[in-house]
Amino acid sequence: MAEGTSSSSGGSSGLAFVVGGLVVIVAVLAFFMFTGGFSQKKQVDVNISASAPKLPDAPKLPEAPKAPGG
């Protein structure tokens, strides 16, 4: 019958293992490159001092009009 067809997956599983290992290595290297690794001893000192400007006094309101007939 079909003697020439065999489903041997030994080579593809080995290739999957190698590709998976390369993905893990790239992920670990990316972690160390983007985060600085384990030596994160950055000290940030932010000192912001801003004073609010002196606003002018508001103008005085006009007197209310008188009621008619009064």
PDB file of N, CA and C in Angstrom:
ATOM      1  N   MET A   1       0.815  -1.159   0.000  1.00  0.00           N
ATOM      2  CA  MET A   1       0.000   0.000   0.000  1.00  0.00           C
ATOM      3  C   MET A   1       0.875   1.245   0.000  1.00  0.00           C
ATOM      4  N   ALA A   2       0.789   2.040   1.023  1.00  0.00           N
ATOM      5  CA  ALA A   2       1.551   3.291   1.057  1.00  0.00           C
ATOM      6  C   ALA A   2       2.777   3.099   1.928  1.00  0.00           C
ATOM      7  N   GLU A   3       3.777   2.480   1.357  1.00  0.00           N
ATOM      8  CA  GLU A   3       4.979   2.210   2.141  1.00  0.00           C
ATOM      9  C   GLU A   3       5.927   3.408   2.182  1.00  0.00           C
ATOM     10  N   GLY A   4       5.870   4.300   1.209  1.00  0.00           N
ATOM     11  CA  GLY A   4       6.805   5.412   1.134  1.00  0.00           C
ATOM     12  C   GLY A   4       6.478   6.571   2.070  1.00  0.00           C
ATOM     13  N   THR A   5       5.307   6.596   2.622  1.00  0.00           N
ATOM     14  CA  THR A   5       4.920   7.700   3.498  1.00  0.00           C
ATOM     15  C   THR A   5       5.065   7.280   4.945  1.00  0.00           C
ATOM     16  N   SER A   6       5.851   7.996   5.657  1.00  0.00           N
ATOM     17  CA  SER A   6       5.974   7.749   7.101  1.00  0.00           C
ATOM     18  C   SER A   6       5.938   9.084   7.815  1.00  0.00           C
ATOM     19  N   SER A   7       5.310   9.098   8.950  1.00  0.00           N
ATOM     20  CA  SER A   7       5.172  10.353   9.699  1.00  0.00           C
ATOM     21  C   SER A   7       6.213  10.386  10.808  1.00  0.00           C
ATOM     22  N   SER A   8       7.414  10.730  10.437  1.00  0.00           N
ATOM     23  CA  SER A   8       8.491  10.846  11.414  1.00  0.00           C
ATOM     24  C   SER A   8       8.648  12.317  11.764  1.00  0.00           C
ATOM     25  N   SER A   9       8.506  12.657  13.034  1.00  0.00           N
ATOM     26  CA  SER A   9       8.584  14.061  13.444  1.00  0.00           C
ATOM     27  C   SER A   9       9.799  14.314  14.320  1.00  0.00           C
ATOM     28  N   GLY A  10      10.829  13.524  14.180  1.00  0.00           N
ATOM     29  CA  GLY A  10      12.016  13.712  15.017  1.00  0.00           C
ATOM     30  C   GLY A  10      12.778  14.976  14.670  1.00  0.00           C
ATOM     31  N   GLY A  11      12.883  15.292  13.399  1.00  0.00           N
ATOM     32  CA  GLY A  11      13.624  16.472  12.978  1.00  0.00           C
ATOM     33  C   GLY A  11      12.909  17.760  13.304  1.00  0.00           C
ATOM     34  N   SER A  12      11.612  17.789  13.171  1.00  0.00           N
ATOM     35  CA  SER A  12      10.874  19.023  13.417  1.00  0.00           C
ATOM     36  C   SER A  12      10.790  19.338  14.903  1.00  0.00           C
ATOM     37  N   SER A  13      10.761  18.324  15.760  1.00  0.00           N
ATOM     38  CA  SER A  13      10.733  18.612  17.195  1.00  0.00           C
ATOM     39  C   SER A  13      12.086  19.147  17.651  1.00  0.00           C
ATOM     40  N   GLY A  14      13.153  18.658  17.054  1.00  0.00           N
ATOM     41  CA  GLY A  14      14.468  19.199  17.389  1.00  0.00           C
ATOM     42  C   GLY A  14      14.612  20.637  16.940  1.00  0.00           C
ATOM     43  N   LEU A  15      14.089  20.940  15.772  1.00  0.00           N
ATOM     44  CA  LEU A  15      14.120  22.314  15.270  1.00  0.00           C
ATOM     45  C   LEU A  15      13.275  23.225  16.142  1.00  0.00           C
ATOM     46  N   ALA A  16      12.142  22.748  16.599  1.00  0.00           N
ATOM     47  CA  ALA A  16      11.286  23.542  17.485  1.00  0.00           C
ATOM     48  C   ALA A  16      12.001  23.817  18.810  1.00  0.00           C
ATOM     49  N   PHE A  17      12.760  22.851  19.309  1.00  0.00           N
ATOM     50  CA  PHE A  17      13.506  23.042  20.548  1.00  0.00           C
ATOM     51  C   PHE A  17      14.581  24.124  20.372  1.00  0.00           C
ATOM     52  N   VAL A  18      15.283  24.105  19.253  1.00  0.00           N
ATOM     53  CA  VAL A  18      16.326  25.090  18.989  1.00  0.00           C
ATOM     54  C   VAL A  18      15.720  26.480  18.831  1.00  0.00           C
ATOM     55  N   VAL A  19      14.630  26.589  18.084  1.00  0.00           N
ATOM     56  CA  VAL A  19      13.984  27.893  17.888  1.00  0.00           C
ATOM     57  C   VAL A  19      13.437  28.427  19.211  1.00  0.00           C
ATOM     58  N   GLY A  20      12.868  27.562  20.019  1.00  0.00           N
ATOM     59  CA  GLY A  20      12.378  27.987  21.331  1.00  0.00           C
ATOM     60  C   GLY A  20      13.500  28.492  22.222  1.00  0.00           C
ATOM     61  N   GLY A  21      14.643  27.811  22.187  1.00  0.00           N
ATOM     62  CA  GLY A  21      15.788  28.266  22.971  1.00  0.00           C
ATOM     63  C   GLY A  21      16.297  29.617  22.502  1.00  0.00           C
ATOM     64  N   LEU A  22      16.310  29.831  21.192  1.00  0.00           N
ATOM     65  CA  LEU A  22      16.740  31.129  20.669  1.00  0.00           C
ATOM     66  C   LEU A  22      15.777  32.244  21.068  1.00  0.00           C
ATOM     67  N   VAL A  23      14.497  31.952  21.090  1.00  0.00           N
ATOM     68  CA  VAL A  23      13.514  32.950  21.508  1.00  0.00           C
ATOM     69  C   VAL A  23      13.722  33.327  22.968  1.00  0.00           C
ATOM     70  N   VAL A  24      13.993  32.360  23.813  1.00  0.00           N
ATOM     71  CA  VAL A  24      14.240  32.642  25.231  1.00  0.00           C
ATOM     72  C   VAL A  24      15.508  33.480  25.402  1.00  0.00           C
ATOM     73  N   ILE A  25      16.563  33.150  24.664  1.00  0.00           N
ATOM     74  CA  ILE A  25      17.811  33.905  24.773  1.00  0.00           C
ATOM     75  C   ILE A  25      17.608  35.352  24.332  1.00  0.00           C
ATOM     76  N   VAL A  26      16.885  35.556  23.238  1.00  0.00           N
ATOM     77  CA  VAL A  26      16.619  36.918  22.760  1.00  0.00           C
ATOM     78  C   VAL A  26      15.771  37.680  23.771  1.00  0.00           C
ATOM     79  N   ALA A  27      14.810  37.035  24.394  1.00  0.00           N
ATOM     80  CA  ALA A  27      13.973  37.703  25.387  1.00  0.00           C
ATOM     81  C   ALA A  27      14.788  38.124  26.600  1.00  0.00           C
ATOM     82  N   VAL A  28      15.691  37.265  27.055  1.00  0.00           N
ATOM     83  CA  VAL A  28      16.528  37.601  28.213  1.00  0.00           C
ATOM     84  C   VAL A  28      17.475  38.753  27.868  1.00  0.00           C
ATOM     85  N   LEU A  29      18.077  38.708  26.694  1.00  0.00           N
ATOM     86  CA  LEU A  29      18.966  39.801  26.279  1.00  0.00           C
ATOM     87  C   LEU A  29      18.210  41.114  26.147  1.00  0.00           C
ATOM     88  N   ALA A  30      17.002  41.078  25.604  1.00  0.00           N
ATOM     89  CA  ALA A  30      16.193  42.297  25.481  1.00  0.00           C
ATOM     90  C   ALA A  30      15.851  42.847  26.859  1.00  0.00           C
ATOM     91  N   PHE A  31      15.554  41.970  27.807  1.00  0.00           N
ATOM     92  CA  PHE A  31      15.260  42.424  29.168  1.00  0.00           C
ATOM     93  C   PHE A  31      16.439  43.175  29.756  1.00  0.00           C
ATOM     94  N   PHE A  32      17.640  42.621  29.627  1.00  0.00           N
ATOM     95  CA  PHE A  32      18.812  43.270  30.197  1.00  0.00           C
ATOM     96  C   PHE A  32      19.159  44.558  29.465  1.00  0.00           C
ATOM     97  N   MET A  33      18.928  44.601  28.166  1.00  0.00           N
ATOM     98  CA  MET A  33      19.264  45.809  27.413  1.00  0.00           C
ATOM     99  C   MET A  33      18.310  46.960  27.727  1.00  0.00           C
ATOM    100  N   PHE A  34      17.027  46.674  27.861  1.00  0.00           N
ATOM    101  CA  PHE A  34      16.049  47.737  28.037  1.00  0.00           C
ATOM    102  C   PHE A  34      15.847  48.141  29.495  1.00  0.00           C
ATOM    103  N   THR A  35      16.148  47.280  30.437  1.00  0.00           N
ATOM    104  CA  THR A  35      15.932  47.642  31.843  1.00  0.00           C
ATOM    105  C   THR A  35      17.216  47.926  32.585  1.00  0.00           C
ATOM    106  N   GLY A  36      18.349  47.675  32.015  1.00  0.00           N
ATOM    107  CA  GLY A  36      19.603  47.919  32.710  1.00  0.00           C
ATOM    108  C   GLY A  36      20.038  46.751  33.562  1.00  0.00           C
ATOM    109  N   GLY A  37      19.364  45.641  33.492  1.00  0.00           N
ATOM    110  CA  GLY A  37      19.766  44.460  34.254  1.00  0.00           C
ATOM    111  C   GLY A  37      19.367  44.553  35.709  1.00  0.00           C
ATOM    112  N   PHE A  38      20.194  43.968  36.555  1.00  0.00           N
ATOM    113  CA  PHE A  38      19.889  43.942  37.982  1.00  0.00           C
ATOM    114  C   PHE A  38      20.442  45.150  38.720  1.00  0.00           C
ATOM    115  N   SER A  39      21.291  45.936  38.104  1.00  0.00           N
ATOM    116  CA  SER A  39      21.931  47.059  38.791  1.00  0.00           C
ATOM    117  C   SER A  39      21.173  48.358  38.532  1.00  0.00           C
ATOM    118  N   GLN A  40      19.954  48.427  39.004  1.00  0.00           N
ATOM    119  CA  GLN A  40      19.170  49.645  38.851  1.00  0.00           C
ATOM    120  C   GLN A  40      19.330  50.501  40.100  1.00  0.00           C
ATOM    121  N   LYS A  41      20.414  51.206  40.176  1.00  0.00           N
ATOM    122  CA  LYS A  41      20.666  52.069  41.320  1.00  0.00           C
ATOM    123  C   LYS A  41      20.613  53.523  40.892  1.00  0.00           C
ATOM    124  N   LYS A  42      19.670  53.837  40.022  1.00  0.00           N
ATOM    125  CA  LYS A  42      19.495  55.205  39.584  1.00  0.00           C
ATOM    126  C   LYS A  42      18.750  55.977  40.667  1.00  0.00           C
ATOM    127  N   GLN A  43      19.293  57.135  41.015  1.00  0.00           N
ATOM    128  CA  GLN A  43      18.656  57.960  42.023  1.00  0.00           C
ATOM    129  C   GLN A  43      18.277  59.270  41.370  1.00  0.00           C
ATOM    130  N   VAL A  44      17.006  59.544  41.350  1.00  0.00           N
ATOM    131  CA  VAL A  44      16.515  60.748  40.710  1.00  0.00           C
ATOM    132  C   VAL A  44      16.027  61.689  41.793  1.00  0.00           C
ATOM    133  N   ASP A  45      16.546  62.917  41.759  1.00  0.00           N
ATOM    134  CA  ASP A  45      16.147  63.924  42.735  1.00  0.00           C
ATOM    135  C   ASP A  45      15.515  65.078  41.970  1.00  0.00           C
ATOM    136  N   VAL A  46      14.224  65.216  42.101  1.00  0.00           N
ATOM    137  CA  VAL A  46      13.501  66.267  41.402  1.00  0.00           C
ATOM    138  C   VAL A  46      13.044  67.287  42.424  1.00  0.00           C
ATOM    139  N   ASN A  47      13.487  68.526  42.239  1.00  0.00           N
ATOM    140  CA  ASN A  47      13.112  69.600  43.141  1.00  0.00           C
ATOM    141  C   ASN A  47      12.517  70.718  42.300  1.00  0.00           C
ATOM    142  N   ILE A  48      11.215  70.868  42.356  1.00  0.00           N
ATOM    143  CA  ILE A  48      10.531  71.890  41.580  1.00  0.00           C
ATOM    144  C   ILE A  48       9.963  72.918  42.543  1.00  0.00           C
ATOM    145  N   SER A  49      10.369  74.151  42.351  1.00  0.00           N
ATOM    146  CA  SER A  49       9.814  75.221  43.174  1.00  0.00           C
ATOM    147  C   SER A  49       9.337  76.320  42.237  1.00  0.00           C
ATOM    148  N   ALA A  50       8.051  76.540  42.234  1.00  0.00           N
ATOM    149  CA  ALA A  50       7.451  77.568  41.392  1.00  0.00           C
ATOM    150  C   ALA A  50       6.500  78.384  42.248  1.00  0.00           C
ATOM    151  N   SER A  51       6.652  79.689  42.188  1.00  0.00           N
ATOM    152  CA  SER A  51       5.762  80.543  42.964  1.00  0.00           C
ATOM    153  C   SER A  51       4.680  81.078  42.040  1.00  0.00           C
ATOM    154  N   ALA A  52       3.485  81.198  42.564  1.00  0.00           N
ATOM    155  CA  ALA A  52       2.370  81.699  41.777  1.00  0.00           C
ATOM    156  C   ALA A  52       2.535  83.203  41.592  1.00  0.00           C
ATOM    157  N   PRO A  53       2.201  83.714  40.421  1.00  0.00           N
ATOM    158  CA  PRO A  53       2.333  85.157  40.201  1.00  0.00           C
ATOM    159  C   PRO A  53       1.304  85.929  41.015  1.00  0.00           C
ATOM    160  N   LYS A  54       1.624  87.172  41.356  1.00  0.00           N
ATOM    161  CA  LYS A  54       0.711  88.034  42.117  1.00  0.00           C
ATOM    162  C   LYS A  54      -0.315  88.587  41.144  1.00  0.00           C
ATOM    163  N   LEU A  55      -1.552  88.245  41.374  1.00  0.00           N
ATOM    164  CA  LEU A  55      -2.627  88.701  40.506  1.00  0.00           C
ATOM    165  C   LEU A  55      -3.115  90.068  40.960  1.00  0.00           C
ATOM    166  N   PRO A  56      -3.551  90.913  40.011  1.00  0.00           N
ATOM    167  CA  PRO A  56      -4.076  92.232  40.412  1.00  0.00           C
ATOM    168  C   PRO A  56      -5.419  92.073  41.112  1.00  0.00           C
ATOM    169  N   ASP A  57      -5.784  93.092  41.892  1.00  0.00           N
ATOM    170  CA  ASP A  57      -7.072  93.063  42.586  1.00  0.00           C
ATOM    171  C   ASP A  57      -8.205  93.135  41.567  1.00  0.00           C
ATOM    172  N   ALA A  58      -9.280  92.459  41.859  1.00  0.00           N
ATOM    173  CA  ALA A  58     -10.442  92.473  40.974  1.00  0.00           C
ATOM    174  C   ALA A  58     -11.120  93.835  41.049  1.00  0.00           C
ATOM    175  N   PRO A  59     -11.706  94.302  39.945  1.00  0.00           N
ATOM    176  CA  PRO A  59     -12.392  95.611  39.993  1.00  0.00           C
ATOM    177  C   PRO A  59     -13.635  95.527  40.865  1.00  0.00           C
ATOM    178  N   LYS A  60     -14.014  96.675  41.413  1.00  0.00           N
ATOM    179  CA  LYS A  60     -15.182  96.712  42.286  1.00  0.00           C
ATOM    180  C   LYS A  60     -16.441  96.592  41.437  1.00  0.00           C
ATOM    181  N   LEU A  61     -17.436  95.883  41.960  1.00  0.00           N
ATOM    182  CA  LEU A  61     -18.683  95.689  41.258  1.00  0.00           C
ATOM    183  C   LEU A  61     -19.525  96.984  41.306  1.00  0.00           C
ATOM    184  N   PRO A  62     -20.248  97.262  40.249  1.00  0.00           N
ATOM    185  CA  PRO A  62     -21.125  98.458  40.305  1.00  0.00           C
ATOM    186  C   PRO A  62     -22.291  98.196  41.244  1.00  0.00           C
ATOM    187  N   GLU A  63     -22.903  99.293  41.694  1.00  0.00           N
ATOM    188  CA  GLU A  63     -24.046  99.141  42.610  1.00  0.00           C
ATOM    189  C   GLU A  63     -25.224  98.571  41.847  1.00  0.00           C
ATOM    190  N   ALA A  64     -26.049  97.804  42.549  1.00  0.00           N
ATOM    191  CA  ALA A  64     -27.234  97.202  41.928  1.00  0.00           C
ATOM    192  C   ALA A  64     -28.248  98.296  41.624  1.00  0.00           C
ATOM    193  N   PRO A  65     -28.980  98.174  40.520  1.00  0.00           N
ATOM    194  CA  PRO A  65     -29.995  99.225  40.218  1.00  0.00           C
ATOM    195  C   PRO A  65     -31.127  99.177  41.217  1.00  0.00           C
ATOM    196  N   LYS A  66     -31.758 100.355  41.417  1.00  0.00           N
ATOM    197  CA  LYS A  66     -32.854 100.447  42.383  1.00  0.00           C
ATOM    198  C   LYS A  66     -34.120  99.917  41.748  1.00  0.00           C
ATOM    199  N   ALA A  67     -34.979  99.354  42.576  1.00  0.00           N
ATOM    200  CA  ALA A  67     -36.243  98.806  42.102  1.00  0.00           C
ATOM    201  C   ALA A  67     -37.189  99.950  41.692  1.00  0.00           C
ATOM    202  N   PRO A  68     -37.914  99.758  40.615  1.00  0.00           N
ATOM    203  CA  PRO A  68     -38.827 100.841  40.186  1.00  0.00           C
ATOM    204  C   PRO A  68     -40.011 100.987  41.136  1.00  0.00           C
ATOM    205  N   GLY A  69     -40.456 102.218  41.273  1.00  0.00           N
ATOM    206  CA  GLY A  69     -41.621 102.500  42.093  1.00  0.00           C
ATOM    207  C   GLY A  69     -41.313 102.496  43.570  1.00  0.00           C
ATOM    208  N   GLY A  70     -40.078 102.608  43.880  1.00  0.00           N
ATOM    209  CA  GLY A  70     -39.781 102.427  45.252  1.00  0.00           C
ATOM    210  C   GLY A  70     -39.325 103.547  45.987  1.00  0.00           C
TER     211      GLY A  70
END
